[in-house]
Amino acid sequence: MQGSVSSLEIIILAAGQGRRMASAKPKVLHTLAGRPLLTHVLDTAMALVPRAVHVVYGHGGERVPAAFPEASVDWVLQAEQRGTGDAVRCALPRLADDALTLVLLGDVPLITPGTLKTLCARAADGIALLTFEAHYENQYGRIVRDDQGRVERIVEWRDADAAQRALREVNSGVLAAPAAHLRRWIPRLSATNAQGELYLTDIIALAVADGVPVATASPGDPTEVWGVNSRADLAVLERAFQERQAAMLMAVGVQLMDPRRLDVRGQLIAGRDVQIDVNCVFEGRVELADDVRVGAHCVIRDSRIARGARIEAHTVIDGADVGPDCVVGPFARLRPGTVLGGHARVGNFVEIKAARVGVDTKINHLSYIGDAVIGQGVNIGAGVITCNYDGARKHRTVIGDGAFIGSDTQLVAPVEIGADATIGAGSTVTKDAPAGELTLSRTAQKTVSGWQRPRKQARPDKE
């Protein structure tokens, strides 16, 4: 049956320049929650399982398609931006005759699949518009209804008179209609308006003239249909998106110390009784198991934090696995390839990269551990460095279970420290250290009697 969801095809209008963004970048490539605006719209479109998605691009040329090399979409070039009606005209030849066509906007990123399903259902016998009530003055097109409450037409802001501008019901720009109707109406559009463009909204009056029913639907949340036309708009929508993320997290048992100071720029999967302090940023895919605590001002990216771990303030974790009941930070940095065993302790100003750290091992202060395998129950003192890079290649350091590495030690890789070995503080270790023994390298300490520290001569004006 014409108009059924099984015949759904989607057109996304993404050709605009966005002059008010004051940017050389195409508007749909500006990011919301760490991802391009168009990515959000594509994700929503794909959630509807359409037969096809057609993306109309123009400003910025091939930069838009190039930003989505793996997207399963049909890219349609609008060589000259002559309005929304012209953009749909460019895509019309790609549509199947029986398609129910849903038109979305590439700069309206927060619309939900549920709202769009409702809209499509109301377009089964004609055309359906997504409208909303504006409680402040804006420049959206106004919905004009007759005395029976039926939609007559849409008047764009620049073409509206004072009475029409006072109308509170406005057009979101999202609509659904059978492709066969669009093929009949689009060629009849005229550019005789204030902007000299072909308005897609003019098809509403054409539908009414043809006796085609015009239905409307409204979003559950008005932020769904807010568009991005400026940097200020983008900032407002960023907060709206983050408020959604905060609400979902709290619903599954996460305690947010301030829901307004949270940034999720990817996918955050959290268990129960997780606690997140203020100003934390989560990027990529992050998993926080039950009872994890994250201190203030942390950045966690593409990482897994196991049950009961505590991430102290100002810690950066990127591409790491943190084991159960670990304590990391404050001011620590875990780089890609870091794996911490349970109950490990990584303290302040410690950096770890591409290293496996065993259960109950402690690296508490001011150390760099890179390209290393560290056993269980190891104690690494302050200022320890694994010298893993020779200027051309990386080399590995291996430290056995129960070893004790004294403060201010340099382990020059490749090198292996045996189980239960002790390395004396201040040593530079260039050879393997045997298990269970004390190894140290120090020059003899001496005192130079009568030595005088150089002193500055007093300036004449200070005498």
Protein backbone atom coordinates (compact mmCIF):
# COMPACT_ATOMS: atom_id res chain seq x y z
CA MET A 1 0.00 0.00 0.00
CA GLN A 2 1.33 3.43 -0.98
CA GLY A 3 2.66 5.29 2.05
CA SER A 4 3.39 2.23 4.18
CA VAL A 5 6.50 2.28 6.36
CA SER A 6 7.91 -0.69 4.47
CA SER A 7 8.26 1.63 1.46
CA LEU A 8 10.01 4.39 3.41
CA GLU A 9 12.75 6.39 1.71
CA ILE A 10 14.44 9.32 3.42
CA ILE A 11 15.83 12.53 1.97
CA ILE A 12 18.23 14.47 4.22
CA LEU A 13 18.82 18.08 3.20
CA ALA A 14 22.47 18.83 3.95
CA ALA A 15 23.52 21.31 1.27
CA GLY A 16 23.40 24.57 3.23
CA GLN A 17 26.37 26.80 3.91
CA GLY A 18 25.35 28.13 7.32
CA ARG A 19 26.68 31.67 6.95
CA ARG A 20 25.95 32.53 10.56
CA MET A 21 28.34 29.80 11.69
CA ALA A 22 31.15 32.07 10.40
CA SER A 23 33.07 29.01 9.27
CA ALA A 24 34.60 27.54 6.12
CA LYS A 25 33.36 24.13 7.22
CA PRO A 26 30.02 22.85 5.86
CA LYS A 27 27.41 23.33 8.57
CA VAL A 28 26.46 19.66 8.83
CA LEU A 29 30.09 18.79 9.68
CA HIS A 30 30.12 20.91 12.82
CA THR A 31 30.06 18.65 15.84
CA LEU A 32 27.49 18.03 18.55
CA ALA A 33 28.61 15.76 21.41
CA GLY A 34 31.81 15.05 19.49
CA ARG A 35 30.12 13.88 16.29
CA PRO A 36 29.06 15.77 13.12
CA LEU A 37 25.49 17.05 13.07
CA LEU A 38 24.79 14.88 10.04
CA THR A 39 25.92 11.76 11.93
CA HIS A 40 23.13 12.26 14.46
CA VAL A 41 20.55 12.63 11.70
CA LEU A 42 21.87 9.59 9.82
CA ASP A 43 21.72 7.47 12.98
CA THR A 44 18.09 8.44 13.50
CA ALA A 45 17.28 7.79 9.85
CA MET A 46 18.85 4.32 9.94
CA ALA A 47 16.88 3.48 13.09
CA LEU A 48 13.72 3.65 10.94
CA VAL A 49 15.12 0.91 8.64
CA PRO A 50 14.30 2.71 5.38
CA ARG A 51 14.69 1.24 1.93
CA ALA A 52 17.09 4.04 1.03
CA VAL A 53 18.57 7.24 2.42
CA HIS A 54 19.37 10.06 -0.01
CA VAL A 55 21.59 12.88 1.28
CA VAL A 56 21.51 16.12 -0.70
CA TYR A 57 24.80 17.98 -0.35
CA GLY A 58 26.22 21.08 -1.99
CA HIS A 59 28.17 23.64 0.01
CA GLY A 60 31.63 22.34 0.72
CA GLY A 61 31.53 20.01 -2.28
CA GLU A 62 32.89 16.55 -1.70
CA ARG A 63 33.93 17.31 1.88
CA VAL A 64 30.54 16.11 3.11
CA PRO A 65 30.51 12.67 1.42
CA ALA A 66 34.21 12.28 2.19
CA ALA A 67 33.48 12.63 5.90
CA PHE A 68 31.24 9.52 5.78
CA PRO A 69 33.17 6.98 3.69
CA GLU A 70 31.32 3.99 5.17
CA ALA A 71 27.79 5.42 5.18
CA SER A 72 25.25 3.35 3.24
CA VAL A 73 23.58 6.35 1.62
CA ASP A 74 22.91 7.75 -1.83
CA TRP A 75 24.76 11.07 -2.19
CA VAL A 76 22.91 13.63 -4.34
CA LEU A 77 24.65 16.82 -5.44
CA GLN A 78 22.73 20.08 -5.44
CA ALA A 79 25.17 22.04 -7.56
CA GLU A 80 23.44 25.38 -7.00
CA GLN A 81 21.65 26.06 -3.72
CA ARG A 82 18.26 27.35 -4.83
CA GLY A 83 16.21 26.40 -1.80
CA THR A 84 14.71 23.38 -0.11
CA GLY A 85 12.29 22.71 -2.94
CA ASP A 86 15.17 22.53 -5.39
CA ALA A 87 17.10 20.21 -3.04
CA VAL A 88 14.19 17.75 -3.01
CA ARG A 89 13.89 18.12 -6.79
CA CYS A 90 17.48 16.91 -7.13
CA ALA A 91 16.64 13.73 -5.21
CA LEU A 92 13.30 12.99 -6.86
CA PRO A 93 14.71 10.84 -9.70
CA ARG A 94 16.27 8.52 -7.09
CA LEU A 95 12.94 7.73 -5.40
CA ALA A 96 10.85 4.67 -6.16
CA ASP A 97 7.34 5.43 -7.39
CA ASP A 98 5.72 3.77 -4.37
CA ALA A 99 7.98 5.40 -1.79
CA LEU A 100 6.73 7.21 1.27
CA THR A 101 9.25 10.04 1.42
CA LEU A 102 10.43 11.46 4.72
CA VAL A 103 12.33 14.75 4.45
CA LEU A 104 14.79 15.46 7.27
CA LEU A 105 17.20 18.33 7.85
CA GLY A 106 20.91 17.73 8.34
CA ASP A 107 21.14 20.55 10.90
CA VAL A 108 18.31 19.29 13.15
CA PRO A 109 20.20 16.62 15.11
CA LEU A 110 18.01 15.75 18.11
CA ILE A 111 14.88 14.43 16.43
CA THR A 112 13.91 10.95 17.62
CA PRO A 113 12.78 7.84 15.74
CA GLY A 114 9.56 7.71 17.78
CA THR A 115 8.48 11.16 16.64
CA LEU A 116 9.25 10.30 13.01
CA LYS A 117 7.30 7.04 13.16
CA THR A 118 4.26 8.99 14.33
CA LEU A 119 4.72 11.50 11.52
CA CYS A 120 5.01 8.80 8.85
CA ALA A 121 1.89 7.04 10.12
CA ARG A 122 -0.07 10.28 9.63
CA ALA A 123 1.14 10.61 6.04
CA ALA A 124 -0.41 7.33 4.92
CA ASP A 125 -3.21 9.09 3.03
CA GLY A 126 -1.57 12.38 2.14
CA ILE A 127 1.08 14.64 3.59
CA ALA A 128 2.14 15.16 7.20
CA LEU A 129 4.04 18.06 8.74
CA LEU A 130 5.98 18.16 11.97
CA THR A 131 5.01 21.39 13.71
CA PHE A 132 5.52 22.84 17.16
CA GLU A 133 4.44 25.76 19.32
CA ALA A 134 6.98 28.55 19.50
CA HIS A 135 6.92 30.44 22.79
CA TYR A 136 9.36 33.09 21.57
CA GLU A 137 9.85 35.05 18.38
CA ASN A 138 11.78 33.09 15.77
CA GLN A 139 12.06 33.06 12.02
CA TYR A 140 10.47 29.69 11.32
CA GLY A 141 7.67 29.49 8.75
CA ARG A 142 4.19 29.97 10.21
CA ILE A 143 1.37 27.41 9.90
CA VAL A 144 -1.77 29.06 8.57
CA ARG A 145 -5.03 27.25 9.31
CA ASP A 146 -8.60 27.96 8.20
CA ASP A 147 -11.54 28.54 10.53
CA GLN A 148 -12.04 24.76 10.68
CA GLY A 149 -8.51 24.28 12.00
CA ARG A 150 -7.28 22.71 8.77
CA VAL A 151 -3.83 23.54 7.46
CA GLU A 152 -4.04 25.89 4.47
CA ARG A 153 -0.42 26.81 3.81
CA ILE A 154 2.95 27.68 5.30
CA VAL A 155 4.18 31.26 5.14
CA GLU A 156 7.90 31.79 5.47
CA TRP A 157 8.99 34.44 7.95
CA ARG A 158 10.38 36.84 5.35
CA ASP A 159 7.14 36.67 3.39
CA ALA A 160 4.79 36.87 6.39
CA ASP A 161 2.85 39.94 7.49
CA ALA A 162 2.56 41.04 11.12
CA ALA A 163 -0.54 38.93 11.80
CA GLN A 164 1.06 35.80 10.35
CA ARG A 165 4.27 36.36 12.30
CA ALA A 166 2.18 36.45 15.46
CA LEU A 167 1.06 32.86 14.88
CA ARG A 168 2.65 30.49 17.38
CA GLU A 169 2.44 27.20 15.44
CA VAL A 170 5.54 26.93 13.29
CA ASN A 171 7.00 24.56 10.73
CA SER A 172 9.95 22.39 11.73
CA GLY A 173 10.92 21.69 8.12
CA VAL A 174 10.35 17.94 8.54
CA LEU A 175 7.59 16.35 6.48
CA ALA A 176 6.44 13.07 5.00
CA ALA A 177 4.62 12.58 1.71
CA PRO A 178 4.27 9.97 -1.04
CA ALA A 179 6.87 10.33 -3.77
CA ALA A 180 4.13 10.36 -6.41
CA HIS A 181 2.67 13.54 -4.89
CA LEU A 182 6.08 15.18 -4.67
CA ARG A 183 6.69 14.49 -8.35
CA ARG A 184 3.43 16.31 -9.12
CA TRP A 185 4.01 19.31 -6.86
CA ILE A 186 7.75 20.05 -7.02
CA PRO A 187 7.77 21.10 -10.71
CA ARG A 188 5.00 23.62 -9.91
CA LEU A 189 7.04 25.53 -7.32
CA SER A 190 7.89 29.15 -8.01
CA ALA A 191 10.76 31.33 -6.81
CA THR A 192 8.65 34.48 -6.60
CA ASN A 193 9.31 35.16 -2.94
CA ALA A 194 11.52 37.30 -0.71
CA GLN A 195 14.51 34.96 -1.03
CA GLY A 196 14.15 34.06 -4.70
CA GLU A 197 14.22 30.36 -3.83
CA LEU A 198 12.06 27.30 -4.38
CA TYR A 199 10.41 26.68 -1.01
CA LEU A 200 9.51 23.08 -0.24
CA THR A 201 6.86 24.47 2.10
CA ASP A 202 4.87 25.77 -0.87
CA ILE A 203 3.77 22.21 -1.64
CA ILE A 204 1.32 22.48 1.27
CA ALA A 205 -0.86 24.99 -0.57
CA LEU A 206 -0.60 22.82 -3.68
CA ALA A 207 -1.71 19.77 -1.69
CA VAL A 208 -4.71 21.65 -0.31
CA ALA A 209 -5.64 22.82 -3.82
CA ASP A 210 -5.48 19.20 -5.02
CA GLY A 211 -7.68 18.01 -2.16
CA VAL A 212 -4.87 16.00 -0.54
CA PRO A 213 -5.20 15.75 3.27
CA VAL A 214 -2.56 17.62 5.29
CA ALA A 215 -1.99 16.22 8.77
CA THR A 216 0.33 17.42 11.50
CA ALA A 217 2.27 15.87 14.35
CA SER A 218 4.30 17.41 17.16
CA PRO A 219 7.46 16.25 18.94
CA GLY A 220 7.32 15.19 22.56
CA ASP A 221 10.17 17.56 23.35
CA PRO A 222 10.61 20.84 21.43
CA THR A 223 14.40 20.42 21.39
CA GLU A 224 13.87 17.62 18.87
CA VAL A 225 13.14 20.17 16.15
CA TRP A 226 15.56 22.91 17.10
CA GLY A 227 17.96 23.60 14.26
CA VAL A 228 21.53 24.85 14.20
CA ASN A 229 22.05 28.18 12.45
CA SER A 230 24.77 29.70 14.63
CA ARG A 231 27.43 28.83 17.16
CA ALA A 232 25.01 29.95 19.86
CA ASP A 233 22.39 27.47 18.58
CA LEU A 234 24.99 24.73 18.62
CA ALA A 235 25.85 25.47 22.25
CA VAL A 236 22.18 25.37 23.26
CA LEU A 237 21.64 22.02 21.53
CA GLU A 238 24.82 20.62 23.08
CA ARG A 239 23.34 21.23 26.53
CA ALA A 240 20.00 19.79 25.46
CA PHE A 241 21.71 16.64 24.23
CA GLN A 242 23.74 16.30 27.42
CA GLU A 243 20.62 16.74 29.56
CA ARG A 244 19.13 13.75 27.72
CA GLN A 245 22.25 11.70 28.43
CA ALA A 246 22.18 12.69 32.09
CA ALA A 247 18.52 11.72 32.45
CA MET A 248 19.15 8.30 30.90
CA LEU A 249 22.15 7.66 33.15
CA MET A 250 20.30 8.61 36.31
CA ALA A 251 17.41 6.36 35.28
CA VAL A 252 19.74 3.33 35.38
CA GLY A 253 21.17 4.17 38.79
CA VAL A 254 24.05 6.59 38.14
CA GLN A 255 24.59 9.38 40.64
CA LEU A 256 25.59 12.60 38.90
CA MET A 257 26.84 15.24 41.29
CA ASP A 258 25.59 17.89 38.86
CA PRO A 259 23.69 16.69 35.77
CA ARG A 260 24.33 20.04 34.08
CA ARG A 261 28.10 19.49 34.14
CA LEU A 262 28.46 16.27 32.17
CA ASP A 263 29.64 15.68 28.61
CA VAL A 264 29.04 12.37 26.84
CA ARG A 265 30.60 12.40 23.38
CA GLY A 266 29.96 8.84 22.32
CA GLN A 267 28.44 5.91 24.22
CA LEU A 268 28.63 5.68 27.99
CA ILE A 269 27.49 2.36 29.45
CA ALA A 270 27.15 2.51 33.21
CA GLY A 271 26.15 0.00 35.88
CA ARG A 272 24.36 0.66 39.13
CA ASP A 273 25.62 2.89 41.92
CA VAL A 274 28.16 4.59 39.69
CA GLN A 275 29.08 8.06 40.92
CA ILE A 276 30.32 10.77 38.55
CA ASP A 277 31.54 14.10 39.84
CA VAL A 278 31.39 17.41 37.95
CA ASN A 279 32.91 18.35 34.59
CA CYS A 280 33.75 14.83 33.41
CA VAL A 281 34.01 14.09 29.69
CA PHE A 282 33.37 10.64 28.18
CA GLU A 283 34.39 10.05 24.56
CA GLY A 284 34.00 7.05 22.26
CA ARG A 285 32.74 3.90 23.98
CA VAL A 286 33.22 3.91 27.74
CA GLU A 287 32.03 1.21 30.15
CA LEU A 288 31.72 1.88 33.87
CA ALA A 289 30.83 -1.20 35.92
CA ASP A 290 28.85 -1.18 39.17
CA ASP A 291 30.15 0.94 42.05
CA VAL A 292 32.71 2.86 39.99
CA ARG A 293 33.48 6.36 41.22
CA VAL A 294 34.81 9.03 38.88
CA GLY A 295 36.20 12.21 40.40
CA ALA A 296 35.85 15.73 39.09
CA HIS A 297 37.39 16.94 35.83
CA CYS A 298 38.26 13.51 34.38
CA VAL A 299 38.43 12.63 30.68
CA ILE A 300 37.79 8.97 29.81
CA ARG A 301 37.92 7.74 26.21
CA ASP A 302 37.34 4.26 24.72
CA SER A 303 38.02 2.49 28.01
CA ARG A 304 36.56 -0.03 30.45
CA ILE A 305 36.51 0.56 34.18
CA ALA A 306 35.75 -2.55 36.26
CA ARG A 307 33.60 -2.85 39.36
CA GLY A 308 34.54 -0.80 42.39
CA ALA A 309 37.38 1.13 40.74
CA ARG A 310 37.98 4.70 41.82
CA ILE A 311 39.17 7.31 39.33
CA GLU A 312 40.39 10.35 41.19
CA ALA A 313 40.10 13.94 39.98
CA HIS A 314 41.87 15.31 36.89
CA THR A 315 42.72 11.90 35.47
CA VAL A 316 42.89 11.15 31.73
CA ILE A 317 42.22 7.58 30.58
CA ASP A 318 42.43 6.72 26.89
CA GLY A 319 42.12 3.21 25.47
CA ALA A 320 42.72 1.45 28.78
CA ASP A 321 41.24 -1.39 30.83
CA VAL A 322 41.11 -0.67 34.56
CA GLY A 323 40.59 -3.73 36.77
CA PRO A 324 38.28 -4.11 39.77
CA ASP A 325 38.92 -1.99 42.86
CA CYS A 326 41.81 -0.10 41.29
CA VAL A 327 42.59 3.46 42.32
CA VAL A 328 43.84 5.78 39.58
CA GLY A 329 44.89 9.39 40.10
CA PRO A 330 44.59 12.18 40.88
CA PHE A 331 46.36 13.71 37.89
CA ALA A 332 47.24 10.34 36.33
CA ARG A 333 47.28 9.46 32.64
CA LEU A 334 46.58 6.02 31.18
CA ARG A 335 47.33 5.84 27.48
CA PRO A 336 46.23 3.24 24.88
CA GLY A 337 47.15 -0.34 25.63
CA THR A 338 47.21 0.04 29.39
CA VAL A 339 45.71 -2.84 31.37
CA LEU A 340 45.53 -2.65 35.16
CA GLY A 341 44.95 -5.78 37.23
CA GLY A 342 42.64 -5.70 40.23
CA HIS A 343 43.53 -3.53 43.22
CA ALA A 344 46.35 -1.82 41.34
CA ARG A 345 47.23 1.70 42.42
CA VAL A 346 48.32 4.40 39.98
CA GLY A 347 48.97 7.68 41.74
CA ASN A 348 49.48 11.33 40.97
CA PHE A 349 51.47 12.37 37.92
CA VAL A 350 51.99 8.79 36.72
CA GLU A 351 51.79 8.07 32.99
CA ILE A 352 51.36 4.53 31.65
CA LYS A 353 51.32 3.47 28.01
CA ALA A 354 51.07 0.00 26.40
CA ALA A 355 51.72 -1.78 29.67
CA ARG A 356 50.15 -4.60 31.66
CA VAL A 357 50.17 -3.96 35.40
CA GLY A 358 49.53 -6.89 37.73
CA VAL A 359 47.17 -7.29 40.67
CA ASP A 360 48.06 -5.28 43.79
CA THR A 361 50.90 -3.44 42.07
CA LYS A 362 51.51 0.17 43.15
CA ILE A 363 52.91 3.00 41.03
CA ASN A 364 52.18 5.91 43.29
CA HIS A 365 54.15 8.98 42.24
CA LEU A 366 55.71 10.80 39.31
CA SER A 367 56.61 7.82 37.10
CA TYR A 368 56.50 6.87 33.43
CA ILE A 369 55.83 3.23 32.53
CA GLY A 370 55.77 2.40 28.82
CA ASP A 371 55.91 -0.87 26.85
CA ALA A 372 56.11 -2.95 29.99
CA VAL A 373 54.81 -6.11 31.63
CA ILE A 374 54.67 -5.76 35.40
CA GLY A 375 53.80 -8.65 37.69
CA GLN A 376 51.71 -8.85 40.83
CA GLY A 377 52.48 -7.07 44.07
CA VAL A 378 55.21 -4.90 42.59
CA ASN A 379 56.10 -1.60 44.25
CA ILE A 380 57.41 1.10 41.93
CA GLY A 381 58.83 4.13 43.71
CA ALA A 382 58.62 7.81 42.83
CA GLY A 383 60.30 9.00 39.67
CA VAL A 384 60.81 5.60 38.03
CA ILE A 385 61.14 5.66 34.24
CA THR A 386 61.11 2.80 31.78
CA CYS A 387 63.42 4.04 29.03
CA ASN A 388 61.59 2.28 26.23
CA TYR A 389 62.54 4.26 23.11
CA ASP A 390 66.00 4.37 21.55
CA GLY A 391 65.09 6.94 18.93
CA ALA A 392 64.03 4.36 16.35
CA ARG A 393 62.37 1.41 18.10
CA LYS A 394 60.36 0.65 21.22
CA HIS A 395 61.69 -1.93 23.69
CA ARG A 396 60.01 -3.83 26.50
CA THR A 397 60.62 -3.87 30.23
CA VAL A 398 59.54 -6.94 32.23
CA ILE A 399 59.24 -6.79 36.02
CA GLY A 400 58.52 -9.99 37.94
CA ASP A 401 56.08 -10.54 40.81
CA GLY A 402 56.93 -8.93 44.11
CA ALA A 403 59.77 -6.77 42.82
CA PHE A 404 60.62 -3.48 44.53
CA ILE A 405 61.86 -0.66 42.31
CA GLY A 406 63.45 2.17 44.28
CA SER A 407 62.74 5.82 43.61
CA ASP A 408 64.44 7.70 40.79
CA THR A 409 65.38 4.55 38.89
CA GLN A 410 65.79 4.31 35.14
CA LEU A 411 65.12 0.91 33.58
CA VAL A 412 66.77 0.97 30.16
CA ALA A 413 64.86 -1.45 27.94
CA PRO A 414 65.08 -4.16 26.85
CA VAL A 415 65.56 -5.30 30.41
CA GLU A 416 64.04 -7.82 32.81
CA ILE A 417 63.76 -7.52 36.58
CA GLY A 418 63.33 -10.88 38.27
CA ALA A 419 60.65 -11.82 40.80
CA ASP A 420 61.20 -10.40 44.29
CA ALA A 421 64.23 -8.43 43.07
CA THR A 422 65.05 -5.10 44.67
CA ILE A 423 66.46 -2.18 42.70
CA GLY A 424 68.19 0.42 44.84
CA ALA A 425 67.00 4.00 44.60
CA GLY A 426 68.78 6.19 42.08
CA SER A 427 69.94 3.29 39.89
CA THR A 428 70.24 3.15 36.12
CA VAL A 429 69.62 -0.47 35.17
CA THR A 430 70.88 -1.55 31.74
CA LYS A 431 71.17 -5.30 32.33
CA ASP A 432 68.76 -7.93 33.61
CA ALA A 433 68.47 -7.98 37.41
CA PRO A 434 68.30 -11.46 39.01
CA ALA A 435 65.33 -12.64 41.04
CA GLY A 436 65.47 -12.17 44.80
CA GLU A 437 68.63 -10.05 44.79
CA LEU A 438 69.47 -6.40 45.40
CA THR A 439 70.73 -4.62 42.29
CA LEU A 440 71.97 -1.04 42.29
CA SER A 441 74.21 1.23 40.31
CA ARG A 442 75.56 4.31 42.02
CA THR A 443 78.75 6.33 41.95
CA ALA A 444 80.58 6.69 45.21
CA GLN A 445 79.39 9.60 47.32
CA LYS A 446 82.06 12.08 48.32
CA THR A 447 82.33 15.40 50.10
CA VAL A 448 84.65 18.16 48.82
CA SER A 449 85.92 20.00 51.85
CA GLY A 450 86.16 23.77 51.64
CA TRP A 451 84.17 24.07 48.41
CA GLN A 452 82.44 27.42 48.04
CA ARG A 453 79.21 27.90 46.14
CA PRO A 454 79.52 30.68 43.51
CA ARG A 455 77.88 33.90 44.63
CA LYS A 456 76.63 36.84 42.66
CA GLN A 457 78.42 40.11 43.18
CA ALA A 458 76.25 42.78 44.72
CA ARG A 459 75.10 45.49 42.31
CA PRO A 460 76.29 48.99 43.19
CA ASP A 461 72.72 50.31 43.41
CA LYS A 462 71.92 47.61 45.99
CA GLU A 463 74.78 48.48 48.33
